[in-house]
Amino acid sequence: MTYYMCINCKRTIDHESALKRVKCPYCGSKILVKTRPNTVKKVKAI
């Protein structure tokens, strides 16, 4: 599932709520950023 984070209040908003409104339901900010999972790439040393 895709989640978005509000730049202003740092709260997480689910995909369904973000599609219904362009504003953050908590603080009213119009800037939402899609969150990405933390991934670590392993590189083999030569």
C-alpha atoms as a PDB file:
ATOM      1  CA  MET A   1       0.000   0.000   0.000  1.00  0.00           C
ATOM      2  CA  THR A   2       1.200   3.496  -0.804  1.00  0.00           C
ATOM      3  CA  TYR A   3       1.502   6.089   1.935  1.00  0.00           C
ATOM      4  CA  TYR A   4       2.113   9.823   1.805  1.00  0.00           C
ATOM      5  CA  MET A   5       3.674  12.084   4.429  1.00  0.00           C
ATOM      6  CA  CYS A   6       2.685  15.675   5.104  1.00  0.00           C
ATOM      7  CA  ILE A   7       5.638  18.061   4.957  1.00  0.00           C
ATOM      8  CA  ASN A   8       4.166  20.347   7.613  1.00  0.00           C
ATOM      9  CA  CYS A   9       2.948  18.004  10.394  1.00  0.00           C
ATOM     10  CA  LYS A  10       4.931  14.846   9.403  1.00  0.00           C
ATOM     11  CA  ARG A  11       1.838  12.621   9.698  1.00  0.00           C
ATOM     12  CA  THR A  12       1.296   9.617   7.447  1.00  0.00           C
ATOM     13  CA  ILE A  13      -1.723   9.564   5.133  1.00  0.00           C
ATOM     14  CA  ASP A  14      -2.917   6.463   3.287  1.00  0.00           C
ATOM     15  CA  HIS A  15      -3.412   6.365  -0.481  1.00  0.00           C
ATOM     16  CA  GLU A  16      -7.221   6.445  -0.363  1.00  0.00           C
ATOM     17  CA  SER A  17      -7.344   9.601   1.777  1.00  0.00           C
ATOM     18  CA  ALA A  18      -4.737  11.308  -0.407  1.00  0.00           C
ATOM     19  CA  LEU A  19      -6.800  10.652  -3.545  1.00  0.00           C
ATOM     20  CA  LYS A  20      -9.969  12.111  -2.034  1.00  0.00           C
ATOM     21  CA  ARG A  21      -8.323  15.357  -0.915  1.00  0.00           C
ATOM     22  CA  VAL A  22      -5.310  17.307  -2.064  1.00  0.00           C
ATOM     23  CA  LYS A  23      -4.836  18.709   1.456  1.00  0.00           C
ATOM     24  CA  CYS A  24      -3.568  16.992   4.591  1.00  0.00           C
ATOM     25  CA  PRO A  25      -6.618  16.015   6.683  1.00  0.00           C
ATOM     26  CA  TYR A  26      -4.740  16.916   9.881  1.00  0.00           C
ATOM     27  CA  CYS A  27      -3.222  20.364   9.255  1.00  0.00           C
ATOM     28  CA  GLY A  28      -4.518  21.444   5.822  1.00  0.00           C
ATOM     29  CA  SER A  29      -1.108  21.606   4.132  1.00  0.00           C
ATOM     30  CA  LYS A  30      -1.152  21.104   0.354  1.00  0.00           C
ATOM     31  CA  ILE A  31       2.280  19.451   0.125  1.00  0.00           C
ATOM     32  CA  LEU A  32       2.327  15.655   0.421  1.00  0.00           C
ATOM     33  CA  VAL A  33       5.329  13.435  -0.303  1.00  0.00           C
ATOM     34  CA  LYS A  34       5.180   9.761  -1.208  1.00  0.00           C
ATOM     35  CA  THR A  35       7.101   7.721   1.346  1.00  0.00           C
ATOM     36  CA  ARG A  36       9.515   5.037   0.261  1.00  0.00           C
ATOM     37  CA  PRO A  37      10.595   1.980   2.214  1.00  0.00           C
ATOM     38  CA  ASN A  38      14.119   1.982   3.603  1.00  0.00           C
ATOM     39  CA  THR A  39      16.177  -0.356   1.452  1.00  0.00           C
ATOM     40  CA  VAL A  40      19.823  -1.229   1.648  1.00  0.00           C
ATOM     41  CA  LYS A  41      21.691  -2.366  -1.416  1.00  0.00           C
ATOM     42  CA  LYS A  42      24.440  -4.853  -0.800  1.00  0.00           C
ATOM     43  CA  VAL A  43      27.459  -4.455  -2.987  1.00  0.00           C
ATOM     44  CA  LYS A  44      30.002  -7.206  -3.290  1.00  0.00           C
ATOM     45  CA  ALA A  45      33.544  -5.913  -2.800  1.00  0.00           C
ATOM     46  CA  ILE A  46      36.050  -6.922  -5.437  1.00  0.00           C
END
